[in-house]
Amino acid sequence: MPSASAAPQARFVRLGETGRRPVSLRVDGRPATALEGDTLLVAVLANGGRLRQSEFGDGARAGFCLMGACQDCWVRGANGERWRACSTPVEDGMDILTQPQEATWPRRG
């Protein structure tokens, strides 16, 4: 069994198009890499993450329609911005959070 600090195994394995420029980002606090032109969904899955936990069972969700219609792939930036993982291109320095953040009340800021 891997240790808690070990990087998760990739759910997406790149077989082609490996010659594009590398892009550095963070996914759930961990350093990650992607290639220029990848979507956030590809970056998350290639780095061993998941988009969210299913609310209907114990399974991990990894996107559904893959074309921006189903609302299954929303992720957040560390500053609170929302992105559709399946259609948002990666950018150097992005900080992606796939797990919902705890809400506080009253909301400030």
PDB file of N, CA and C in Angstrom:
ATOM      1  N   MET A   1       0.844  -1.180   0.000  1.00  0.00           N
ATOM      2  CA  MET A   1       0.000   0.000   0.000  1.00  0.00           C
ATOM      3  C   MET A   1       0.887   1.240   0.000  1.00  0.00           C
ATOM      4  N   PRO A   2       0.625   2.228  -0.924  1.00  0.00           N
ATOM      5  CA  PRO A   2       1.454   3.423  -0.970  1.00  0.00           C
ATOM      6  C   PRO A   2       1.254   4.287   0.258  1.00  0.00           C
ATOM      7  N   SER A   3       2.291   5.047   0.583  1.00  0.00           N
ATOM      8  CA  SER A   3       2.180   5.947   1.730  1.00  0.00           C
ATOM      9  C   SER A   3       1.257   7.107   1.397  1.00  0.00           C
ATOM     10  N   ALA A   4       0.768   7.780   2.434  1.00  0.00           N
ATOM     11  CA  ALA A   4      -0.149   8.902   2.247  1.00  0.00           C
ATOM     12  C   ALA A   4       0.507  10.042   1.481  1.00  0.00           C
ATOM     13  N   SER A   5       1.835  10.152   1.547  1.00  0.00           N
ATOM     14  CA  SER A   5       2.517  11.246   0.862  1.00  0.00           C
ATOM     15  C   SER A   5       2.897  10.894  -0.579  1.00  0.00           C
ATOM     16  N   ALA A   6       2.726   9.653  -0.989  1.00  0.00           N
ATOM     17  CA  ALA A   6       3.074   9.248  -2.348  1.00  0.00           C
ATOM     18  C   ALA A   6       2.125   9.896  -3.352  1.00  0.00           C
ATOM     19  N   ALA A   7       2.663  10.252  -4.515  1.00  0.00           N
ATOM     20  CA  ALA A   7       1.835  10.849  -5.561  1.00  0.00           C
ATOM     21  C   ALA A   7       0.844   9.804  -6.069  1.00  0.00           C
ATOM     22  N   PRO A   8      -0.399  10.204  -6.326  1.00  0.00           N
ATOM     23  CA  PRO A   8      -1.388   9.257  -6.825  1.00  0.00           C
ATOM     24  C   PRO A   8      -1.045   8.797  -8.236  1.00  0.00           C
ATOM     25  N   GLN A   9      -1.510   7.617  -8.593  1.00  0.00           N
ATOM     26  CA  GLN A   9      -1.269   7.065  -9.919  1.00  0.00           C
ATOM     27  C   GLN A   9      -2.135   7.787 -10.946  1.00  0.00           C
ATOM     28  N   ALA A  10      -1.579   8.075 -12.102  1.00  0.00           N
ATOM     29  CA  ALA A  10      -2.299   8.791 -13.157  1.00  0.00           C
ATOM     30  C   ALA A  10      -3.488   7.986 -13.660  1.00  0.00           C
ATOM     31  N   ARG A  11      -4.601   8.672 -13.906  1.00  0.00           N
ATOM     32  CA  ARG A  11      -5.798   8.066 -14.482  1.00  0.00           C
ATOM     33  C   ARG A  11      -5.806   8.243 -16.000  1.00  0.00           C
ATOM     34  N   PHE A  12      -4.913   9.080 -16.490  1.00  0.00           N
ATOM     35  CA  PHE A  12      -4.811   9.394 -17.901  1.00  0.00           C
ATOM     36  C   PHE A  12      -3.350   9.258 -18.275  1.00  0.00           C
ATOM     37  N   VAL A  13      -3.050   8.489 -19.290  1.00  0.00           N
ATOM     38  CA  VAL A  13      -1.667   8.287 -19.716  1.00  0.00           C
ATOM     39  C   VAL A  13      -1.512   8.828 -21.134  1.00  0.00           C
ATOM     40  N   ARG A  14      -0.590   9.743 -21.313  1.00  0.00           N
ATOM     41  CA  ARG A  14      -0.372  10.362 -22.621  1.00  0.00           C
ATOM     42  C   ARG A  14       0.411   9.393 -23.513  1.00  0.00           C
ATOM     43  N   LEU A  15      -0.139   9.118 -24.685  1.00  0.00           N
ATOM     44  CA  LEU A  15       0.532   8.227 -25.626  1.00  0.00           C
ATOM     45  C   LEU A  15       1.111   8.962 -26.823  1.00  0.00           C
ATOM     46  N   GLY A  16       0.597  10.136 -27.117  1.00  0.00           N
ATOM     47  CA  GLY A  16       1.071  10.901 -28.262  1.00  0.00           C
ATOM     48  C   GLY A  16       1.129  12.375 -27.929  1.00  0.00           C
ATOM     49  N   GLU A  17       1.488  13.168 -28.899  1.00  0.00           N
ATOM     50  CA  GLU A  17       1.577  14.622 -28.759  1.00  0.00           C
ATOM     51  C   GLU A  17       2.415  15.028 -27.556  1.00  0.00           C
ATOM     52  N   THR A  18       3.602  14.491 -27.474  1.00  0.00           N
ATOM     53  CA  THR A  18       4.469  14.785 -26.329  1.00  0.00           C
ATOM     54  C   THR A  18       5.440  15.924 -26.596  1.00  0.00           C
ATOM     55  N   GLY A  19       5.435  16.500 -27.782  1.00  0.00           N
ATOM     56  CA  GLY A  19       6.407  17.521 -28.142  1.00  0.00           C
ATOM     57  C   GLY A  19       5.996  18.945 -27.821  1.00  0.00           C
ATOM     58  N   ARG A  20       4.865  19.147 -27.162  1.00  0.00           N
ATOM     59  CA  ARG A  20       4.430  20.504 -26.831  1.00  0.00           C
ATOM     60  C   ARG A  20       5.157  21.027 -25.593  1.00  0.00           C
ATOM     61  N   ARG A  21       5.169  22.357 -25.426  1.00  0.00           N
ATOM     62  CA  ARG A  21       5.864  23.003 -24.310  1.00  0.00           C
ATOM     63  C   ARG A  21       5.250  22.588 -22.977  1.00  0.00           C
ATOM     64  N   PRO A  22       6.061  22.219 -21.973  1.00  0.00           N
ATOM     65  CA  PRO A  22       5.546  21.883 -20.638  1.00  0.00           C
ATOM     66  C   PRO A  22       5.009  23.124 -19.918  1.00  0.00           C
ATOM     67  N   VAL A  23       3.991  22.911 -19.112  1.00  0.00           N
ATOM     68  CA  VAL A  23       3.364  23.960 -18.306  1.00  0.00           C
ATOM     69  C   VAL A  23       3.356  23.470 -16.863  1.00  0.00           C
ATOM     70  N   SER A  24       3.725  24.349 -15.925  1.00  0.00           N
ATOM     71  CA  SER A  24       3.717  23.997 -14.495  1.00  0.00           C
ATOM     72  C   SER A  24       2.478  24.584 -13.830  1.00  0.00           C
ATOM     73  N   LEU A  25       1.854  23.807 -12.951  1.00  0.00           N
ATOM     74  CA  LEU A  25       0.692  24.246 -12.201  1.00  0.00           C
ATOM     75  C   LEU A  25       0.618  23.468 -10.902  1.00  0.00           C
ATOM     76  N   ARG A  26      -0.420  23.729 -10.103  1.00  0.00           N
ATOM     77  CA  ARG A  26      -0.644  22.986  -8.860  1.00  0.00           C
ATOM     78  C   ARG A  26      -2.060  22.436  -8.914  1.00  0.00           C
ATOM     79  N   VAL A  27      -2.207  21.192  -8.482  1.00  0.00           N
ATOM     80  CA  VAL A  27      -3.526  20.556  -8.383  1.00  0.00           C
ATOM     81  C   VAL A  27      -3.690  20.088  -6.949  1.00  0.00           C
ATOM     82  N   ASP A  28      -4.651  20.657  -6.247  1.00  0.00           N
ATOM     83  CA  ASP A  28      -4.906  20.326  -4.839  1.00  0.00           C
ATOM     84  C   ASP A  28      -3.636  20.412  -3.993  1.00  0.00           C
ATOM     85  N   GLY A  29      -2.863  21.471  -4.239  1.00  0.00           N
ATOM     86  CA  GLY A  29      -1.667  21.724  -3.444  1.00  0.00           C
ATOM     87  C   GLY A  29      -0.423  20.980  -3.889  1.00  0.00           C
ATOM     88  N   ARG A  30      -0.538  20.097  -4.860  1.00  0.00           N
ATOM     89  CA  ARG A  30       0.628  19.339  -5.341  1.00  0.00           C
ATOM     90  C   ARG A  30       1.140  19.911  -6.650  1.00  0.00           C
ATOM     91  N   PRO A  31       2.457  19.940  -6.829  1.00  0.00           N
ATOM     92  CA  PRO A  31       2.995  20.374  -8.119  1.00  0.00           C
ATOM     93  C   PRO A  31       2.554  19.406  -9.214  1.00  0.00           C
ATOM     94  N   ALA A  32       2.255  19.957 -10.377  1.00  0.00           N
ATOM     95  CA  ALA A  32       1.811  19.135 -11.504  1.00  0.00           C
ATOM     96  C   ALA A  32       2.369  19.732 -12.791  1.00  0.00           C
ATOM     97  N   THR A  33       2.381  18.918 -13.827  1.00  0.00           N
ATOM     98  CA  THR A  33       2.795  19.400 -15.138  1.00  0.00           C
ATOM     99  C   THR A  33       1.752  18.997 -16.157  1.00  0.00           C
ATOM    100  N   ALA A  34       1.689  19.784 -17.203  1.00  0.00           N
ATOM    101  CA  ALA A  34       0.809  19.505 -18.331  1.00  0.00           C
ATOM    102  C   ALA A  34       1.560  19.967 -19.572  1.00  0.00           C
ATOM    103  N   LEU A  35       0.931  19.850 -20.709  1.00  0.00           N
ATOM    104  CA  LEU A  35       1.525  20.358 -21.938  1.00  0.00           C
ATOM    105  C   LEU A  35       0.655  21.491 -22.469  1.00  0.00           C
ATOM    106  N   GLU A  36       1.300  22.489 -23.062  1.00  0.00           N
ATOM    107  CA  GLU A  36       0.571  23.615 -23.636  1.00  0.00           C
ATOM    108  C   GLU A  36      -0.530  23.082 -24.545  1.00  0.00           C
ATOM    109  N   GLY A  37      -1.742  23.588 -24.380  1.00  0.00           N
ATOM    110  CA  GLY A  37      -2.880  23.129 -25.174  1.00  0.00           C
ATOM    111  C   GLY A  37      -3.738  22.103 -24.459  1.00  0.00           C
ATOM    112  N   ASP A  38      -3.235  21.510 -23.369  1.00  0.00           N
ATOM    113  CA  ASP A  38      -4.046  20.574 -22.578  1.00  0.00           C
ATOM    114  C   ASP A  38      -5.171  21.333 -21.885  1.00  0.00           C
ATOM    115  N   THR A  39      -6.242  20.640 -21.594  1.00  0.00           N
ATOM    116  CA  THR A  39      -7.290  21.210 -20.752  1.00  0.00           C
ATOM    117  C   THR A  39      -6.967  20.910 -19.296  1.00  0.00           C
ATOM    118  N   LEU A  40      -7.672  21.585 -18.390  1.00  0.00           N
ATOM    119  CA  LEU A  40      -7.501  21.301 -16.966  1.00  0.00           C
ATOM    120  C   LEU A  40      -7.856  19.852 -16.663  1.00  0.00           C
ATOM    121  N   LEU A  41      -8.855  19.302 -17.352  1.00  0.00           N
ATOM    122  CA  LEU A  41      -9.237  17.906 -17.127  1.00  0.00           C
ATOM    123  C   LEU A  41      -8.074  16.969 -17.428  1.00  0.00           C
ATOM    124  N   VAL A  42      -7.410  17.161 -18.549  1.00  0.00           N
ATOM    125  CA  VAL A  42      -6.249  16.338 -18.897  1.00  0.00           C
ATOM    126  C   VAL A  42      -5.156  16.500 -17.841  1.00  0.00           C
ATOM    127  N   ALA A  43      -4.900  17.728 -17.411  1.00  0.00           N
ATOM    128  CA  ALA A  43      -3.862  17.978 -16.404  1.00  0.00           C
ATOM    129  C   ALA A  43      -4.178  17.271 -15.092  1.00  0.00           C
ATOM    130  N   VAL A  44      -5.411  17.367 -14.634  1.00  0.00           N
ATOM    131  CA  VAL A  44      -5.799  16.726 -13.367  1.00  0.00           C
ATOM    132  C   VAL A  44      -5.663  15.214 -13.470  1.00  0.00           C
ATOM    133  N   LEU A  45      -6.212  14.622 -14.515  1.00  0.00           N
ATOM    134  CA  LEU A  45      -6.199  13.162 -14.649  1.00  0.00           C
ATOM    135  C   LEU A  45      -4.799  12.621 -14.941  1.00  0.00           C
ATOM    136  N   ALA A  46      -3.981  13.350 -15.693  1.00  0.00           N
ATOM    137  CA  ALA A  46      -2.622  12.898 -15.999  1.00  0.00           C
ATOM    138  C   ALA A  46      -1.714  12.957 -14.770  1.00  0.00           C
ATOM    139  N   ASN A  47      -2.089  13.760 -13.787  1.00  0.00           N
ATOM    140  CA  ASN A  47      -1.290  13.884 -12.567  1.00  0.00           C
ATOM    141  C   ASN A  47      -1.885  13.093 -11.410  1.00  0.00           C
ATOM    142  N   GLY A  48      -2.764  12.161 -11.705  1.00  0.00           N
ATOM    143  CA  GLY A  48      -3.267  11.245 -10.691  1.00  0.00           C
ATOM    144  C   GLY A  48      -4.427  11.744  -9.865  1.00  0.00           C
ATOM    145  N   GLY A  49      -5.015  12.852 -10.258  1.00  0.00           N
ATOM    146  CA  GLY A  49      -6.137  13.381  -9.486  1.00  0.00           C
ATOM    147  C   GLY A  49      -7.476  12.898  -9.992  1.00  0.00           C
ATOM    148  N   ARG A  50      -8.496  13.468  -9.403  1.00  0.00           N
ATOM    149  CA  ARG A  50      -9.873  13.251  -9.840  1.00  0.00           C
ATOM    150  C   ARG A  50     -10.570  14.593  -9.720  1.00  0.00           C
ATOM    151  N   LEU A  51     -11.681  14.732 -10.416  1.00  0.00           N
ATOM    152  CA  LEU A  51     -12.369  16.020 -10.364  1.00  0.00           C
ATOM    153  C   LEU A  51     -13.181  16.179  -9.091  1.00  0.00           C
ATOM    154  N   ARG A  52     -13.780  15.124  -8.634  1.00  0.00           N
ATOM    155  CA  ARG A  52     -14.539  15.188  -7.384  1.00  0.00           C
ATOM    156  C   ARG A  52     -14.998  13.794  -7.007  1.00  0.00           C
ATOM    157  N   GLN A  53     -15.544  13.679  -5.822  1.00  0.00           N
ATOM    158  CA  GLN A  53     -16.116  12.420  -5.345  1.00  0.00           C
ATOM    159  C   GLN A  53     -17.595  12.410  -5.716  1.00  0.00           C
ATOM    160  N   SER A  54     -18.098  11.287  -6.173  1.00  0.00           N
ATOM    161  CA  SER A  54     -19.516  11.181  -6.529  1.00  0.00           C
ATOM    162  C   SER A  54     -20.385  11.385  -5.306  1.00  0.00           C
ATOM    163  N   GLU A  55     -21.438  12.168  -5.474  1.00  0.00           N
ATOM    164  CA  GLU A  55     -22.371  12.350  -4.364  1.00  0.00           C
ATOM    165  C   GLU A  55     -23.360  11.196  -4.244  1.00  0.00           C
ATOM    166  N   PHE A  56     -23.329  10.270  -5.192  1.00  0.00           N
ATOM    167  CA  PHE A  56     -24.267   9.144  -5.194  1.00  0.00           C
ATOM    168  C   PHE A  56     -23.629   7.820  -4.808  1.00  0.00           C
ATOM    169  N   GLY A  57     -22.352   7.823  -4.513  1.00  0.00           N
ATOM    170  CA  GLY A  57     -21.667   6.589  -4.160  1.00  0.00           C
ATOM    171  C   GLY A  57     -20.240   6.895  -3.759  1.00  0.00           C
ATOM    172  N   ASP A  58     -19.402   5.867  -3.738  1.00  0.00           N
ATOM    173  CA  ASP A  58     -18.030   6.060  -3.293  1.00  0.00           C
ATOM    174  C   ASP A  58     -17.045   6.184  -4.445  1.00  0.00           C
ATOM    175  N   GLY A  59     -17.527   6.420  -5.656  1.00  0.00           N
ATOM    176  CA  GLY A  59     -16.646   6.485  -6.809  1.00  0.00           C
ATOM    177  C   GLY A  59     -16.100   7.870  -7.084  1.00  0.00           C
ATOM    178  N   ALA A  60     -14.933   7.898  -7.661  1.00  0.00           N
ATOM    179  CA  ALA A  60     -14.319   9.160  -8.085  1.00  0.00           C
ATOM    180  C   ALA A  60     -14.909   9.577  -9.420  1.00  0.00           C
ATOM    181  N   ARG A  61     -15.130  10.865  -9.598  1.00  0.00           N
ATOM    182  CA  ARG A  61     -15.659  11.394 -10.856  1.00  0.00           C
ATOM    183  C   ARG A  61     -14.513  11.985 -11.675  1.00  0.00           C
ATOM    184  N   ALA A  62     -14.551  11.772 -12.980  1.00  0.00           N
ATOM    185  CA  ALA A  62     -13.488  12.253 -13.854  1.00  0.00           C
ATOM    186  C   ALA A  62     -14.055  12.953 -15.086  1.00  0.00           C
ATOM    187  N   GLY A  63     -15.155  13.666 -14.922  1.00  0.00           N
ATOM    188  CA  GLY A  63     -15.800  14.295 -16.074  1.00  0.00           C
ATOM    189  C   GLY A  63     -16.832  13.357 -16.662  1.00  0.00           C
ATOM    190  N   PHE A  64     -17.789  13.891 -17.376  1.00  0.00           N
ATOM    191  CA  PHE A  64     -18.861  13.054 -17.925  1.00  0.00           C
ATOM    192  C   PHE A  64     -19.007  13.266 -19.419  1.00  0.00           C
ATOM    193  N   CYS A  65     -19.468  14.446 -19.833  1.00  0.00           N
ATOM    194  CA  CYS A  65     -19.739  14.662 -21.261  1.00  0.00           C
ATOM    195  C   CYS A  65     -18.490  15.080 -22.039  1.00  0.00           C
ATOM    196  N   LEU A  66     -17.517  15.685 -21.361  1.00  0.00           N
ATOM    197  CA  LEU A  66     -16.247  16.133 -21.941  1.00  0.00           C
ATOM    198  C   LEU A  66     -16.408  17.212 -23.007  1.00  0.00           C
ATOM    199  N   MET A  67     -17.559  17.924 -23.003  1.00  0.00           N
ATOM    200  CA  MET A  67     -17.770  19.010 -23.963  1.00  0.00           C
ATOM    201  C   MET A  67     -18.431  20.238 -23.354  1.00  0.00           C
ATOM    202  N   GLY A  68     -18.465  20.349 -22.037  1.00  0.00           N
ATOM    203  CA  GLY A  68     -18.950  21.559 -21.389  1.00  0.00           C
ATOM    204  C   GLY A  68     -20.446  21.679 -21.238  1.00  0.00           C
ATOM    205  N   ALA A  69     -21.189  20.587 -21.319  1.00  0.00           N
ATOM    206  CA  ALA A  69     -22.644  20.669 -21.234  1.00  0.00           C
ATOM    207  C   ALA A  69     -23.227  20.105 -19.941  1.00  0.00           C
ATOM    208  N   CYS A  70     -22.526  19.242 -19.231  1.00  0.00           N
ATOM    209  CA  CYS A  70     -23.159  18.479 -18.151  1.00  0.00           C
ATOM    210  C   CYS A  70     -22.962  19.038 -16.741  1.00  0.00           C
ATOM    211  N   GLN A  71     -22.105  20.002 -16.534  1.00  0.00           N
ATOM    212  CA  GLN A  71     -21.840  20.601 -15.224  1.00  0.00           C
ATOM    213  C   GLN A  71     -21.085  19.671 -14.271  1.00  0.00           C
ATOM    214  N   ASP A  72     -20.467  18.614 -14.758  1.00  0.00           N
ATOM    215  CA  ASP A  72     -19.804  17.634 -13.897  1.00  0.00           C
ATOM    216  C   ASP A  72     -18.337  17.954 -13.625  1.00  0.00           C
ATOM    217  N   CYS A  73     -17.757  18.890 -14.335  1.00  0.00           N
ATOM    218  CA  CYS A  73     -16.305  19.046 -14.245  1.00  0.00           C
ATOM    219  C   CYS A  73     -15.840  20.382 -13.691  1.00  0.00           C
ATOM    220  N   TRP A  74     -16.675  21.103 -12.964  1.00  0.00           N
ATOM    221  CA  TRP A  74     -16.247  22.391 -12.419  1.00  0.00           C
ATOM    222  C   TRP A  74     -15.121  22.200 -11.398  1.00  0.00           C
ATOM    223  N   VAL A  75     -14.103  23.031 -11.507  1.00  0.00           N
ATOM    224  CA  VAL A  75     -13.029  23.106 -10.518  1.00  0.00           C
ATOM    225  C   VAL A  75     -12.878  24.571 -10.139  1.00  0.00           C
ATOM    226  N   ARG A  76     -12.136  24.834  -9.091  1.00  0.00           N
ATOM    227  CA  ARG A  76     -11.926  26.212  -8.641  1.00  0.00           C
ATOM    228  C   ARG A  76     -10.441  26.543  -8.657  1.00  0.00           C
ATOM    229  N   GLY A  77     -10.173  27.807  -8.854  1.00  0.00           N
ATOM    230  CA  GLY A  77      -8.827  28.312  -8.691  1.00  0.00           C
ATOM    231  C   GLY A  77      -8.631  28.661  -7.229  1.00  0.00           C
ATOM    232  N   ALA A  78      -7.407  28.768  -6.802  1.00  0.00           N
ATOM    233  CA  ALA A  78      -7.109  29.091  -5.405  1.00  0.00           C
ATOM    234  C   ALA A  78      -7.690  30.448  -5.001  1.00  0.00           C
ATOM    235  N   ASN A  79      -7.930  31.341  -5.971  1.00  0.00           N
ATOM    236  CA  ASN A  79      -8.513  32.650  -5.689  1.00  0.00           C
ATOM    237  C   ASN A  79     -10.032  32.653  -5.804  1.00  0.00           C
ATOM    238  N   GLY A  80     -10.651  31.487  -6.017  1.00  0.00           N
ATOM    239  CA  GLY A  80     -12.099  31.392  -6.055  1.00  0.00           C
ATOM    240  C   GLY A  80     -12.736  31.361  -7.429  1.00  0.00           C
ATOM    241  N   GLU A  81     -11.975  31.595  -8.484  1.00  0.00           N
ATOM    242  CA  GLU A  81     -12.548  31.551  -9.814  1.00  0.00           C
ATOM    243  C   GLU A  81     -13.020  30.138 -10.153  1.00  0.00           C
ATOM    244  N   ARG A  82     -14.052  30.011 -11.000  1.00  0.00           N
ATOM    245  CA  ARG A  82     -14.568  28.698 -11.402  1.00  0.00           C
ATOM    246  C   ARG A  82     -14.203  28.430 -12.856  1.00  0.00           C
ATOM    247  N   TRP A  83     -13.789  27.197 -13.131  1.00  0.00           N
ATOM    248  CA  TRP A  83     -13.441  26.796 -14.488  1.00  0.00           C
ATOM    249  C   TRP A  83     -14.075  25.449 -14.808  1.00  0.00           C
ATOM    250  N   ARG A  84     -14.503  25.287 -16.055  1.00  0.00           N
ATOM    251  CA  ARG A  84     -14.902  23.961 -16.544  1.00  0.00           C
ATOM    252  C   ARG A  84     -13.603  23.245 -16.922  1.00  0.00           C
ATOM    253  N   ALA A  85     -13.318  22.159 -16.253  1.00  0.00           N
ATOM    254  CA  ALA A  85     -12.059  21.458 -16.486  1.00  0.00           C
ATOM    255  C   ALA A  85     -11.964  20.898 -17.897  1.00  0.00           C
ATOM    256  N   CYS A  86     -13.092  20.524 -18.478  1.00  0.00           N
ATOM    257  CA  CYS A  86     -13.051  19.885 -19.795  1.00  0.00           C
ATOM    258  C   CYS A  86     -12.801  20.853 -20.939  1.00  0.00           C
ATOM    259  N   SER A  87     -12.975  22.157 -20.711  1.00  0.00           N
ATOM    260  CA  SER A  87     -12.815  23.097 -21.819  1.00  0.00           C
ATOM    261  C   SER A  87     -11.893  24.280 -21.518  1.00  0.00           C
ATOM    262  N   THR A  88     -11.302  24.336 -20.342  1.00  0.00           N
ATOM    263  CA  THR A  88     -10.399  25.435 -19.991  1.00  0.00           C
ATOM    264  C   THR A  88      -8.954  25.012 -20.220  1.00  0.00           C
ATOM    265  N   PRO A  89      -8.221  25.728 -21.071  1.00  0.00           N
ATOM    266  CA  PRO A  89      -6.810  25.380 -21.295  1.00  0.00           C
ATOM    267  C   PRO A  89      -5.952  25.706 -20.075  1.00  0.00           C
ATOM    268  N   VAL A  90      -4.927  24.903 -19.850  1.00  0.00           N
ATOM    269  CA  VAL A  90      -3.998  25.161 -18.747  1.00  0.00           C
ATOM    270  C   VAL A  90      -3.162  26.390 -19.057  1.00  0.00           C
ATOM    271  N   GLU A  91      -2.728  27.047 -17.981  1.00  0.00           N
ATOM    272  CA  GLU A  91      -1.802  28.168 -18.093  1.00  0.00           C
ATOM    273  C   GLU A  91      -0.742  27.987 -17.020  1.00  0.00           C
ATOM    274  N   ASP A  92       0.471  28.432 -17.324  1.00  0.00           N
ATOM    275  CA  ASP A  92       1.550  28.374 -16.338  1.00  0.00           C
ATOM    276  C   ASP A  92       1.109  29.032 -15.036  1.00  0.00           C
ATOM    277  N   GLY A  93       1.382  28.368 -13.914  1.00  0.00           N
ATOM    278  CA  GLY A  93       1.123  28.941 -12.612  1.00  0.00           C
ATOM    279  C   GLY A  93      -0.284  28.756 -12.068  1.00  0.00           C
ATOM    280  N   MET A  94      -1.182  28.109 -12.803  1.00  0.00           N
ATOM    281  CA  MET A  94      -2.538  27.890 -12.292  1.00  0.00           C
ATOM    282  C   MET A  94      -2.482  27.080 -11.001  1.00  0.00           C
ATOM    283  N   ASP A  95      -3.422  27.345 -10.110  1.00  0.00           N
ATOM    284  CA  ASP A  95      -3.538  26.623  -8.844  1.00  0.00           C
ATOM    285  C   ASP A  95      -4.978  26.115  -8.773  1.00  0.00           C
ATOM    286  N   ILE A  96      -5.165  24.824  -9.010  1.00  0.00           N
ATOM    287  CA  ILE A  96      -6.491  24.225  -9.164  1.00  0.00           C
ATOM    288  C   ILE A  96      -6.888  23.467  -7.908  1.00  0.00           C
ATOM    289  N   LEU A  97      -8.114  23.668  -7.473  1.00  0.00           N
ATOM    290  CA  LEU A  97      -8.681  22.929  -6.343  1.00  0.00           C
ATOM    291  C   LEU A  97      -9.855  22.100  -6.853  1.00  0.00           C
ATOM    292  N   THR A  98      -9.773  20.796  -6.676  1.00  0.00           N
ATOM    293  CA  THR A  98     -10.856  19.931  -7.154  1.00  0.00           C
ATOM    294  C   THR A  98     -11.874  19.612  -6.071  1.00  0.00           C
ATOM    295  N   GLN A  99     -11.491  19.765  -4.830  1.00  0.00           N
ATOM    296  CA  GLN A  99     -12.407  19.442  -3.728  1.00  0.00           C
ATOM    297  C   GLN A  99     -13.122  20.707  -3.272  1.00  0.00           C
ATOM    298  N   PRO A 100     -14.405  20.611  -2.947  1.00  0.00           N
ATOM    299  CA  PRO A 100     -15.129  21.814  -2.498  1.00  0.00           C
ATOM    300  C   PRO A 100     -14.502  22.378  -1.235  1.00  0.00           C
ATOM    301  N   GLN A 101     -14.464  23.678  -1.176  1.00  0.00           N
ATOM    302  CA  GLN A 101     -13.921  24.355  -0.011  1.00  0.00           C
ATOM    303  C   GLN A 101     -15.027  24.578   1.007  1.00  0.00           C
ATOM    304  N   GLU A 102     -14.672  24.524   2.256  1.00  0.00           N
ATOM    305  CA  GLU A 102     -15.639  24.721   3.314  1.00  0.00           C
ATOM    306  C   GLU A 102     -16.145  26.157   3.292  1.00  0.00           C
ATOM    307  N   ALA A 103     -17.445  26.304   3.312  1.00  0.00           N
ATOM    308  CA  ALA A 103     -18.033  27.644   3.331  1.00  0.00           C
ATOM    309  C   ALA A 103     -18.040  28.185   4.759  1.00  0.00           C
ATOM    310  N   THR A 104     -17.860  29.472   4.890  1.00  0.00           N
ATOM    311  CA  THR A 104     -17.935  30.102   6.202  1.00  0.00           C
ATOM    312  C   THR A 104     -19.028  31.162   6.164  1.00  0.00           C
ATOM    313  N   TRP A 105     -19.667  31.385   7.279  1.00  0.00           N
ATOM    314  CA  TRP A 105     -20.734  32.373   7.365  1.00  0.00           C
ATOM    315  C   TRP A 105     -20.488  33.249   8.564  1.00  0.00           C
ATOM    316  N   PRO A 106     -20.584  34.524   8.493  1.00  0.00           N
ATOM    317  CA  PRO A 106     -20.930  35.286   7.294  1.00  0.00           C
ATOM    318  C   PRO A 106     -19.734  35.366   6.352  1.00  0.00           C
ATOM    319  N   ARG A 107     -20.037  35.412   5.090  1.00  0.00           N
ATOM    320  CA  ARG A 107     -18.988  35.478   4.068  1.00  0.00           C
ATOM    321  C   ARG A 107     -18.389  36.873   4.076  1.00  0.00           C
ATOM    322  N   ARG A 108     -17.083  36.931   4.075  1.00  0.00           N
ATOM    323  CA  ARG A 108     -16.386  38.218   4.085  1.00  0.00           C
ATOM    324  C   ARG A 108     -15.578  38.357   2.805  1.00  0.00           C
ATOM    325  N   GLY A 109     -15.380  39.585   2.397  1.00  0.00           N
ATOM    326  CA  GLY A 109     -14.498  39.835   1.261  1.00  0.00           C
ATOM    327  C   GLY A 109     -15.158  40.117   0.053  1.00  0.00           C
TER     328      GLY A 109
END
